[in-house]
C-alpha atoms as a PDB file:
ATOM      1  CA  MET A   1       0.112  -0.112  -0.051  1.00  0.00           C
ATOM      2  CA  PHE A   2       1.475   3.450  -1.022  1.00  0.00           C
ATOM      3  CA  TRP A   3       0.732   5.102   2.375  1.00  0.00           C
ATOM      4  CA  GLN A   4       1.962   2.257   4.584  1.00  0.00           C
ATOM      5  CA  SER A   5       5.454   1.117   5.615  1.00  0.00           C
ATOM      6  CA  PRO A   6       6.537  -2.491   4.707  1.00  0.00           C
ATOM      7  CA  ARG A   7       6.287  -3.608   8.220  1.00  0.00           C
ATOM      8  CA  THR A   8       2.543  -2.711   8.035  1.00  0.00           C
ATOM      9  CA  ARG A   9       1.968  -4.492   4.857  1.00  0.00           C
ATOM     10  CA  LYS A  10       3.622  -7.760   6.205  1.00  0.00           C
ATOM     11  CA  GLN A  11       1.485  -7.633   9.572  1.00  0.00           C
ATOM     12  CA  ALA A  12      -0.428 -10.951  10.020  1.00  0.00           C
ATOM     13  CA  ARG A  13      -4.118 -10.570  10.089  1.00  0.00           C
ATOM     14  CA  PRO A  14      -5.804 -13.512  11.763  1.00  0.00           C
ATOM     15  CA  ASN A  15      -8.985 -14.708  10.471  1.00  0.00           C
ATOM     16  CA  VAL A  16     -12.197 -14.507  12.716  1.00  0.00           C
ATOM     17  CA  THR A  17     -15.185 -16.698  12.803  1.00  0.00           C
ATOM     18  CA  THR A  18     -18.087 -14.417  12.368  1.00  0.00           C
ATOM     19  CA  PRO A  19     -21.658 -15.361  13.436  1.00  0.00           C
ATOM     20  CA  LYS A  20     -24.125 -16.805  10.993  1.00  0.00           C
ATOM     21  CA  ALA A  21     -27.234 -15.504  12.710  1.00  0.00           C
ATOM     22  CA  ARG A  22     -29.342 -13.028  10.597  1.00  0.00           C
ATOM     23  CA  ALA A  23     -28.634  -9.302  11.255  1.00  0.00           C
ATOM     24  CA  ALA A  24     -31.417  -7.824  13.029  1.00  0.00           C
ATOM     25  CA  GLY A  25     -33.499 -11.003  12.319  1.00  0.00           C
ATOM     26  CA  ILE A  26     -33.749  -9.787   8.777  1.00  0.00           C
ATOM     27  CA  PRO A  27     -33.857 -12.859   6.135  1.00  0.00           C
ATOM     28  CA  GLY A  28     -32.392 -12.131   2.767  1.00  0.00           C
ATOM     29  CA  LEU A  29     -31.516  -8.525   3.394  1.00  0.00           C
ATOM     30  CA  GLU A  30     -30.990  -6.768   0.177  1.00  0.00           C
ATOM     31  CA  ILE A  31     -28.034  -4.557  -0.139  1.00  0.00           C
ATOM     32  CA  VAL A  32     -27.539  -2.061  -2.830  1.00  0.00           C
ATOM     33  CA  ILE A  33     -23.737  -2.069  -4.118  1.00  0.00           C
ATOM     34  CA  ASP A  34     -22.804   1.192  -6.067  1.00  0.00           C
ATOM     35  CA  THR A  35     -21.857   0.493  -9.622  1.00  0.00           C
ATOM     36  CA  ARG A  36     -18.624   2.260  -9.232  1.00  0.00           C
ATOM     37  CA  GLU A  37     -17.346   0.147  -6.284  1.00  0.00           C
ATOM     38  CA  GLN A  38     -14.354  -2.069  -7.296  1.00  0.00           C
ATOM     39  CA  TYR A  39     -13.761  -5.236  -5.609  1.00  0.00           C
ATOM     40  CA  ALA A  40     -17.132  -5.023  -3.902  1.00  0.00           C
ATOM     41  CA  TYR A  41     -18.089  -7.248  -0.852  1.00  0.00           C
ATOM     42  CA  ARG A  42     -20.253 -10.215  -1.910  1.00  0.00           C
ATOM     43  CA  PHE A  43     -21.796 -10.883   1.330  1.00  0.00           C
ATOM     44  CA  SER A  44     -21.551 -14.534   0.560  1.00  0.00           C
ATOM     45  CA  ALA A  45     -21.088 -15.527   4.295  1.00  0.00           C
ATOM     46  CA  GLN A  46     -23.941 -13.384   5.412  1.00  0.00           C
ATOM     47  CA  GLN A  47     -27.861 -13.846   4.870  1.00  0.00           C
ATOM     48  CA  ALA A  48     -27.973 -11.074   2.404  1.00  0.00           C
ATOM     49  CA  THR A  49     -28.661 -10.629  -1.430  1.00  0.00           C
ATOM     50  CA  THR A  50     -27.103  -7.733  -3.443  1.00  0.00           C
ATOM     51  CA  ILE A  51     -27.999  -5.624  -6.459  1.00  0.00           C
ATOM     52  CA  LYS A  52     -25.914  -3.122  -8.499  1.00  0.00           C
ATOM     53  CA  LYS A  53     -27.102   0.352  -8.752  1.00  0.00           C
ATOM     54  CA  ALA A  54     -25.663   3.960  -8.883  1.00  0.00           C
ATOM     55  CA  LEU A  55     -25.711   5.268  -5.548  1.00  0.00           C
ATOM     56  CA  PRO A  56     -25.829   9.234  -4.656  1.00  0.00           C
ATOM     57  CA  CYS A  57     -23.486   8.494  -1.935  1.00  0.00           C
ATOM     58  CA  GLY A  58     -21.700   5.517  -0.107  1.00  0.00           C
ATOM     59  CA  ASP A  59     -20.573   2.188  -1.840  1.00  0.00           C
ATOM     60  CA  TYR A  60     -23.265   0.029  -0.049  1.00  0.00           C
ATOM     61  CA  GLY A  61     -26.832   1.091   0.908  1.00  0.00           C
ATOM     62  CA  ILE A  62     -30.361   0.211   1.860  1.00  0.00           C
ATOM     63  CA  GLU A  63     -33.331   1.296  -0.040  1.00  0.00           C
ATOM     64  CA  ILE A  64     -36.980   1.336   1.198  1.00  0.00           C
ATOM     65  CA  ALA A  65     -39.601   2.065  -1.478  1.00  0.00           C
ATOM     66  CA  GLY A  66     -36.817   3.152  -3.845  1.00  0.00           C
ATOM     67  CA  GLN A  67     -35.412   5.687  -1.409  1.00  0.00           C
ATOM     68  CA  LEU A  68     -31.846   5.450  -0.115  1.00  0.00           C
ATOM     69  CA  VAL A  69     -32.126   5.311   3.662  1.00  0.00           C
ATOM     70  CA  ALA A  70     -28.693   4.279   4.857  1.00  0.00           C
ATOM     71  CA  ALA A  71     -25.160   4.021   3.436  1.00  0.00           C
ATOM     72  CA  VAL A  72     -21.787   2.689   4.236  1.00  0.00           C
ATOM     73  CA  GLU A  73     -18.499   4.121   2.640  1.00  0.00           C
ATOM     74  CA  ARG A  74     -15.790   1.625   2.270  1.00  0.00           C
ATOM     75  CA  LYS A  75     -12.159   2.603   2.546  1.00  0.00           C
ATOM     76  CA  SER A  76      -8.651   0.991   2.492  1.00  0.00           C
ATOM     77  CA  LEU A  77      -6.175   2.899   4.518  1.00  0.00           C
ATOM     78  CA  ALA A  78      -4.528   3.999   1.564  1.00  0.00           C
ATOM     79  CA  ASP A  79      -7.701   5.342  -0.031  1.00  0.00           C
ATOM     80  CA  LEU A  80      -8.585   7.070   3.270  1.00  0.00           C
ATOM     81  CA  VAL A  81      -5.371   8.814   3.525  1.00  0.00           C
ATOM     82  CA  SER A  82      -5.334   9.895  -0.214  1.00  0.00           C
ATOM     83  CA  SER A  83      -8.965  11.216   0.019  1.00  0.00           C
ATOM     84  CA  MET A  84      -8.237  13.216   3.113  1.00  0.00           C
ATOM     85  CA  ILE A  85      -5.336  14.789   1.502  1.00  0.00           C
ATOM     86  CA  ASN A  86      -7.051  15.782  -1.765  1.00  0.00           C
ATOM     87  CA  GLY A  87     -10.106  16.959   0.131  1.00  0.00           C
ATOM     88  CA  LYS A  88     -12.539  14.383  -1.475  1.00  0.00           C
ATOM     89  CA  PHE A  89     -13.276  12.767   1.903  1.00  0.00           C
ATOM     90  CA  ARG A  90     -14.791  15.830   3.487  1.00  0.00           C
ATOM     91  CA  TYR A  91     -17.318  16.150   0.548  1.00  0.00           C
ATOM     92  CA  ALA A  92     -17.986  12.469   0.619  1.00  0.00           C
ATOM     93  CA  LEU A  93     -18.869  12.832   4.460  1.00  0.00           C
ATOM     94  CA  GLY A  94     -21.140  15.782   3.720  1.00  0.00           C
ATOM     95  CA  ASP A  95     -23.059  13.654   1.339  1.00  0.00           C
ATOM     96  CA  LEU A  96     -23.320  10.714   3.877  1.00  0.00           C
ATOM     97  CA  ALA A  97     -24.551  13.154   6.552  1.00  0.00           C
ATOM     98  CA  THR A  98     -27.689  13.970   4.685  1.00  0.00           C
ATOM     99  CA  LEU A  99     -29.035  10.476   5.151  1.00  0.00           C
ATOM    100  CA  GLY A 100     -28.957  10.534   8.829  1.00  0.00           C
ATOM    101  CA  ARG A 101     -27.853   6.921   8.841  1.00  0.00           C
ATOM    102  CA  ALA A 102     -24.476   6.501   7.226  1.00  0.00           C
ATOM    103  CA  ALA A 103     -21.081   5.422   8.349  1.00  0.00           C
ATOM    104  CA  VAL A 104     -17.411   4.859   6.856  1.00  0.00           C
ATOM    105  CA  VAL A 105     -15.653   1.567   7.512  1.00  0.00           C
ATOM    106  CA  VAL A 106     -11.886   1.274   7.194  1.00  0.00           C
ATOM    107  CA  GLU A 107     -10.288  -2.055   6.429  1.00  0.00           C
ATOM    108  CA  ASP A 108      -7.448  -1.632   8.896  1.00  0.00           C
ATOM    109  CA  ARG A 109      -6.441  -0.950  12.280  1.00  0.00           C
ATOM    110  CA  TYR A 110      -6.367   2.672  13.777  1.00  0.00           C
ATOM    111  CA  SER A 111      -2.859   1.889  14.925  1.00  0.00           C
ATOM    112  CA  SER A 112      -1.745   1.632  11.365  1.00  0.00           C
ATOM    113  CA  VAL A 113      -2.395   5.289  10.974  1.00  0.00           C
ATOM    114  CA  PHE A 114       0.714   5.923  13.343  1.00  0.00           C
ATOM    115  CA  LYS A 115       2.791   3.572  11.029  1.00  0.00           C
ATOM    116  CA  LEU A 116       2.380   5.690   7.851  1.00  0.00           C
ATOM    117  CA  ASP A 117       5.577   6.723   6.246  1.00  0.00           C
ATOM    118  CA  ARG A 118       4.798   8.925   3.256  1.00  0.00           C
ATOM    119  CA  VAL A 119       2.685  11.310   5.406  1.00  0.00           C
ATOM    120  CA  ARG A 120       2.796  12.635   8.883  1.00  0.00           C
ATOM    121  CA  PRO A 121       0.616  10.364  10.994  1.00  0.00           C
ATOM    122  CA  ALA A 122      -0.389  13.386  13.294  1.00  0.00           C
ATOM    123  CA  VAL A 123      -1.878  15.055  10.197  1.00  0.00           C
ATOM    124  CA  ILE A 124      -4.117  12.168   9.514  1.00  0.00           C
ATOM    125  CA  ALA A 125      -4.941  11.534  13.145  1.00  0.00           C
ATOM    126  CA  ASP A 126      -5.917  15.145  13.551  1.00  0.00           C
ATOM    127  CA  GLY A 127      -7.837  15.190  10.489  1.00  0.00           C
ATOM    128  CA  LEU A 128      -9.931  12.187  11.599  1.00  0.00           C
ATOM    129  CA  ALA A 129     -10.431  13.854  14.951  1.00  0.00           C
ATOM    130  CA  GLU A 130     -11.782  17.096  13.232  1.00  0.00           C
ATOM    131  CA  LEU A 131     -14.038  15.150  10.775  1.00  0.00           C
ATOM    132  CA  ALA A 132     -15.593  13.248  13.629  1.00  0.00           C
ATOM    133  CA  VAL A 133     -16.534  16.446  15.305  1.00  0.00           C
ATOM    134  CA  ARG A 134     -17.641  18.084  12.169  1.00  0.00           C
ATOM    135  CA  TRP A 135     -19.896  15.251  11.190  1.00  0.00           C
ATOM    136  CA  PRO A 136     -20.672  13.310  14.389  1.00  0.00           C
ATOM    137  CA  ALA A 137     -23.633  11.428  12.817  1.00  0.00           C
ATOM    138  CA  VAL A 138     -21.305   9.858  10.356  1.00  0.00           C
ATOM    139  CA  PRO A 139     -18.988   7.423  12.384  1.00  0.00           C
ATOM    140  CA  ILE A 140     -15.648   6.349  10.907  1.00  0.00           C
ATOM    141  CA  VAL A 141     -15.030   2.727  12.018  1.00  0.00           C
ATOM    142  CA  PHE A 142     -11.813   0.969  11.887  1.00  0.00           C
ATOM    143  CA  ALA A 143     -12.636  -2.831  11.437  1.00  0.00           C
ATOM    144  CA  GLU A 144      -9.022  -4.298  11.272  1.00  0.00           C
ATOM    145  CA  THR A 145      -9.673  -6.608   8.179  1.00  0.00           C
ATOM    146  CA  ARG A 146     -11.665  -6.619   5.061  1.00  0.00           C
ATOM    147  CA  GLN A 147     -13.495  -9.600   6.487  1.00  0.00           C
ATOM    148  CA  LEU A 148     -14.525  -7.827   9.649  1.00  0.00           C
ATOM    149  CA  ALA A 149     -15.376  -4.607   7.555  1.00  0.00           C
ATOM    150  CA  GLU A 150     -17.725  -6.713   5.397  1.00  0.00           C
ATOM    151  CA  GLU A 151     -19.468  -8.049   8.456  1.00  0.00           C
ATOM    152  CA  TRP A 152     -19.785  -4.741  10.201  1.00  0.00           C
ATOM    153  CA  THR A 153     -21.263  -3.330   6.998  1.00  0.00           C
ATOM    154  CA  TYR A 154     -23.895  -5.927   6.775  1.00  0.00           C
ATOM    155  CA  ARG A 155     -24.854  -5.566  10.341  1.00  0.00           C
ATOM    156  CA  TYR A 156     -24.950  -1.829  10.364  1.00  0.00           C
ATOM    157  CA  LEU A 157     -27.135  -1.760   7.203  1.00  0.00           C
ATOM    158  CA  ALA A 158     -29.484  -4.329   8.857  1.00  0.00           C
ATOM    159  CA  ALA A 159     -29.942  -2.201  11.842  1.00  0.00           C
ATOM    160  CA  ALA A 160     -30.447   0.836   9.821  1.00  0.00           C
ATOM    161  CA  ALA A 161     -33.236  -1.004   7.672  1.00  0.00           C
ATOM    162  CA  VAL A 162     -35.110  -1.779  10.771  1.00  0.00           C
ATOM    163  CA  TRP A 163     -34.810   1.759  12.076  1.00  0.00           C
ATOM    164  CA  ALA A 164     -35.964   3.378   8.915  1.00  0.00           C
ATOM    165  CA  ALA A 165     -38.859   0.874   8.681  1.00  0.00           C
ATOM    166  CA  ASP A 166     -40.082   1.816  12.030  1.00  0.00           C
ATOM    167  CA  ASP A 167     -39.862   5.531  11.140  1.00  0.00           C
ATOM    168  CA  LEU A 168     -42.100   4.750   8.194  1.00  0.00           C
ATOM    169  CA  ALA A 169     -44.377   2.765  10.352  1.00  0.00           C
ATOM    170  CA  LEU A 170     -44.753   5.562  12.813  1.00  0.00           C
ATOM    171  CA  ALA A 171     -45.324   8.112  10.230  1.00  0.00           C
ATOM    172  CA  ALA A 172     -48.242   6.007   8.778  1.00  0.00           C
ATOM    173  CA  LEU A 173     -49.650   5.549  12.344  1.00  0.00           C
ATOM    174  CA  LEU A 174     -49.695   9.234  12.872  1.00  0.00           C
ATOM    175  CA  GLY A 175     -51.226   9.849   9.546  1.00  0.00           C
ATOM    176  CA  ASP A 176     -48.256  11.880   8.256  1.00  0.00           C
ATOM    177  CA  GLU A 177     -47.924  10.709   4.744  1.00  0.00           C
ATOM    178  CA  THR A 178     -45.343  13.373   3.774  1.00  0.00           C
ATOM    179  CA  LYS A 179     -42.812  12.322   6.369  1.00  0.00           C
ATOM    180  CA  THR A 180     -39.599  10.853   4.915  1.00  0.00           C
ATOM    181  CA  VAL A 181     -36.825   8.633   6.374  1.00  0.00           C
ATOM    182  CA  GLY A 182     -34.347  11.300   5.928  1.00  0.00           C
ATOM    183  CA  PRO A 183     -32.886  13.396   8.975  1.00  0.00           C
ATOM    184  CA  ASN A 184     -34.443  16.712   8.134  1.00  0.00           C
ATOM    185  CA  ASP A 185     -38.056  17.794   7.332  1.00  0.00           C
ATOM    186  CA  SER A 186     -37.056  21.445   6.569  1.00  0.00           C
ATOM    187  CA  GLY A 187     -35.880  20.506   3.003  1.00  0.00           C
ATOM    188  CA  PRO A 188     -34.689  17.867   0.628  1.00  0.00           C
ATOM    189  CA  SER A 189     -31.478  16.079   1.061  1.00  0.00           C
ATOM    190  CA  THR A 190     -28.556  16.518  -1.511  1.00  0.00           C
ATOM    191  CA  ALA A 191     -29.249  12.918  -2.781  1.00  0.00           C
ATOM    192  CA  GLU A 192     -32.887  13.865  -3.564  1.00  0.00           C
ATOM    193  CA  VAL A 193     -32.004  17.150  -5.227  1.00  0.00           C
ATOM    194  CA  ARG A 194     -29.324  15.396  -7.285  1.00  0.00           C
ATOM    195  CA  SER A 195     -31.854  12.578  -8.356  1.00  0.00           C
ATOM    196  CA  TRP A 196     -34.392  15.301  -9.332  1.00  0.00           C
ATOM    197  CA  ALA A 197     -31.863  17.345 -11.266  1.00  0.00           C
ATOM    198  CA  ARG A 198     -30.952  14.233 -13.498  1.00  0.00           C
ATOM    199  CA  SER A 199     -34.546  13.502 -14.079  1.00  0.00           C
ATOM    200  CA  ALA A 200     -34.978  17.137 -15.288  1.00  0.00           C
ATOM    201  CA  GLY A 201     -32.056  16.824 -17.597  1.00  0.00           C
ATOM    202  CA  LEU A 202     -29.518  18.840 -15.558  1.00  0.00           C
ATOM    203  CA  GLU A 203     -25.845  17.980 -15.343  1.00  0.00           C
ATOM    204  CA  VAL A 204     -24.786  17.042 -11.809  1.00  0.00           C
ATOM    205  CA  PRO A 205     -21.635  15.375 -10.379  1.00  0.00           C
ATOM    206  CA  ASP A 206     -22.000  11.903  -9.052  1.00  0.00           C
ATOM    207  CA  ARG A 207     -20.824  12.900  -5.623  1.00  0.00           C
ATOM    208  CA  GLY A 208     -19.974  16.100  -3.864  1.00  0.00           C
ATOM    209  CA  ARG A 209     -21.717  19.351  -3.481  1.00  0.00           C
ATOM    210  CA  LEU A 210     -24.216  20.744  -5.855  1.00  0.00           C
ATOM    211  CA  ARG A 211     -23.960  23.963  -7.568  1.00  0.00           C
ATOM    212  CA  PRO A 212     -26.181  26.855  -6.055  1.00  0.00           C
ATOM    213  CA  ALA A 213     -27.788  27.050  -9.528  1.00  0.00           C
ATOM    214  CA  ILE A 214     -28.972  23.342  -9.063  1.00  0.00           C
ATOM    215  CA  TRP A 215     -30.703  24.128  -5.571  1.00  0.00           C
ATOM    216  CA  GLN A 216     -32.270  27.398  -7.041  1.00  0.00           C
ATOM    217  CA  ALA A 217     -33.737  25.295  -9.875  1.00  0.00           C
ATOM    218  CA  TRP A 218     -35.153  22.746  -7.512  1.00  0.00           C
ATOM    219  CA  ARG A 219     -36.744  25.526  -5.434  1.00  0.00           C
ATOM    220  CA  GLU A 220     -38.255  27.093  -8.540  1.00  0.00           C
ATOM    221  CA  ALA A 221     -39.658  23.678  -9.600  1.00  0.00           C
ATOM    222  CA  HIS A 222     -41.039  23.246  -6.052  1.00  0.00           C
ATOM    223  CA  PRO A 223     -42.443  26.647  -4.856  1.00  0.00           C
ATOM    224  CA  SER A 224     -44.416  25.125  -1.924  1.00  0.00           C
END
């Protein structure tokens, strides 16, 4: 790995026997995998099925009634460091935060941050702390190995699916048909506006912030 020392690359990573029980009791949880995700998790050891689809944010997600309600962004340590340095990670966290249920999982140990030899470890450690404070609703989890990162992703998305379904059930019970499963009722999420813009023929980036003109176009199309 580009950002790690040789001794880190050779470090032994023991396999762990993960539980076979259904996450959150959900049989056949359907996980959406972003079409841009390379070397994606297969979830073959978990009780889940997968489909490929372009996601507005994250690499793995859960949809309810066609709406993305939770997502997980996967990172190797090298990718994490690179995206922090070039600034892309900050934008990714901003998009994830709009969902209300999102996280980042890193396929490595936190201790590996302090073994980096192409960048000062303190820079990355301070950056992670700053991002955790800026976006406290989007945890960054170090899962030690790819196997454990896949297992964590599966169980996180299952828990998020149950939570989102409960939100919808409560909204139906209260007769609030306009309530969404997003975090805010004051306006649309970035993902929603991005999806609307594409359907309207407007050019928008796959990820990151939207231009002010896109937001203004959405407001003009939804005056209420």
